[in-house]
Amino acid sequence: MLQEINDETFDKVISESDKPVLIDFWAPWCAPCRALSVILEEISKEFQNKVSVFKLNVDNNPKISSKYGIRSIPTMIFFKDGEKQDIHIGISSKEEIIKKLTALV
C-alpha cells in the first residue's frame, strides 16, 4: 500500500529524500485515481530502492494542493533533489510513468 503524506509532512518528505519522489494527488471518490493507484502500487514495489511513491488526498490537504495548482485529479508530480521536475495530469500507462521515473534516476 502506498504511503500517504499530508500538508504537514509534504515538505519534509520532498526535501529529505535521497531518491526521486512521485506524489500522486488523488481523492477517494475519483475513479481514475483508484485505477492509477493500482499501477502506482506495482511501480512502488518494482522501484522500491530507486524511487519513493506517495499519495496526497487533495480533499484533506488543501495547502499543498493549492501550492502546486492542482485543478484536476489524478495529477502526478515528479520531484528530484527537492525540486519539481515533471507533472502529469490524468491517468497514465505504467510504461509512461516508468519512462518519466527512469529519466530521474
Protein backbone atom coordinates (compact mmCIF):
# COMPACT_ATOMS: atom_id res chain seq x y z
CA MET A 1 0.00 0.00 0.00
CA LEU A 2 1.29 3.45 -0.90
CA GLN A 3 2.21 5.76 1.94
CA GLU A 4 0.01 8.80 2.50
CA ILE A 5 1.54 12.20 3.10
CA ASN A 6 -0.22 15.41 4.10
CA ASP A 7 0.20 19.18 4.29
CA GLU A 8 2.37 18.81 7.40
CA THR A 9 4.71 16.07 6.13
CA PHE A 10 4.96 17.03 2.44
CA ASP A 11 7.93 19.43 2.56
CA LYS A 12 9.96 17.14 4.80
CA VAL A 13 9.36 14.10 2.56
CA ILE A 14 10.34 16.02 -0.59
CA SER A 15 13.38 17.78 0.83
CA GLU A 16 14.86 14.86 2.75
CA SER A 17 14.51 12.13 0.14
CA ASP A 18 17.74 10.86 -1.36
CA LYS A 19 15.80 9.37 -4.29
CA PRO A 20 13.33 10.81 -6.78
CA VAL A 21 9.81 11.19 -5.37
CA LEU A 22 6.49 10.72 -7.16
CA ILE A 23 3.47 12.30 -5.49
CA ASP A 24 0.02 11.16 -6.60
CA PHE A 25 -2.59 13.86 -5.92
CA TRP A 26 -5.89 11.99 -5.61
CA ALA A 27 -9.25 11.67 -3.82
CA PRO A 28 -11.17 8.55 -2.76
CA TRP A 29 -14.23 9.48 -4.87
CA CYS A 30 -12.17 9.73 -8.08
CA ALA A 31 -12.48 6.56 -10.19
CA PRO A 32 -9.44 7.30 -12.41
CA CYS A 33 -7.43 7.92 -9.22
CA ARG A 34 -8.32 4.47 -7.92
CA ALA A 35 -7.30 2.90 -11.24
CA LEU A 36 -3.99 4.78 -11.16
CA SER A 37 -3.36 3.62 -7.59
CA VAL A 38 -3.11 0.01 -8.79
CA ILE A 39 -0.42 0.99 -11.31
CA LEU A 40 1.46 3.07 -8.75
CA GLU A 41 1.42 0.20 -6.24
CA GLU A 42 3.17 -2.01 -8.82
CA ILE A 43 5.70 0.70 -9.68
CA SER A 44 6.37 1.36 -6.00
CA LYS A 45 7.26 -2.31 -5.46
CA GLU A 46 9.35 -2.60 -8.63
CA PHE A 47 11.30 0.63 -7.95
CA GLN A 48 11.33 0.49 -4.13
CA ASN A 49 15.10 1.05 -3.88
CA LYS A 50 15.22 3.75 -6.57
CA VAL A 51 12.08 5.88 -6.17
CA SER A 52 9.66 6.87 -3.39
CA VAL A 53 5.96 6.98 -4.27
CA PHE A 54 3.40 8.75 -2.06
CA LYS A 55 -0.27 9.70 -2.20
CA LEU A 56 -1.76 13.03 -1.12
CA ASN A 57 -5.53 13.31 -0.70
CA VAL A 58 -6.47 16.71 -2.18
CA ASP A 59 -9.69 16.94 -0.16
CA ASN A 60 -7.83 16.66 3.14
CA ASN A 61 -4.75 18.69 2.17
CA PRO A 62 -5.76 21.99 0.55
CA LYS A 63 -2.50 23.80 1.38
CA ILE A 64 -0.19 21.67 -0.77
CA SER A 65 -2.84 21.11 -3.44
CA SER A 66 -3.22 24.88 -3.78
CA LYS A 67 0.55 25.50 -3.69
CA TYR A 68 1.03 23.26 -6.73
CA GLY A 69 -2.11 24.46 -8.53
CA ILE A 70 -3.85 21.10 -8.56
CA ARG A 71 -7.09 21.61 -10.50
CA SER A 72 -7.65 18.10 -11.89
CA ILE A 73 -7.02 14.69 -10.43
CA PRO A 74 -5.29 12.41 -10.72
CA THR A 75 -2.18 14.56 -11.02
CA MET A 76 1.32 13.19 -10.53
CA ILE A 77 4.26 15.43 -9.73
CA PHE A 78 7.79 14.11 -10.03
CA PHE A 79 10.49 15.57 -7.75
CA LYS A 80 14.25 15.17 -7.62
CA ASP A 81 16.56 16.77 -5.06
CA GLY A 82 13.55 18.58 -3.59
CA GLU A 83 12.65 20.28 -6.88
CA LYS A 84 9.66 19.69 -9.15
CA GLN A 85 10.90 18.06 -12.35
CA ASP A 86 7.75 16.99 -14.20
CA ILE A 87 3.97 16.89 -13.91
CA HIS A 88 1.35 14.63 -15.46
CA ILE A 89 -2.38 15.31 -15.28
CA GLY A 90 -4.79 12.42 -15.79
CA ILE A 91 -4.37 8.69 -15.83
CA SER A 92 -1.28 7.28 -17.48
CA SER A 93 0.05 3.92 -18.52
CA LYS A 94 2.57 2.09 -16.38
CA GLU A 95 5.09 2.38 -19.21
CA GLU A 96 4.70 6.17 -19.42
CA ILE A 97 5.20 6.60 -15.68
CA ILE A 98 8.24 4.31 -15.68
CA LYS A 99 9.74 6.31 -18.56
CA LYS A 100 9.39 9.56 -16.56
CA LEU A 101 10.83 7.97 -13.41
CA THR A 102 13.73 6.38 -15.26
CA ALA A 103 14.72 9.80 -16.58
CA LEU A 104 15.09 10.97 -12.95
CA VAL A 105 17.03 8.03 -11.54
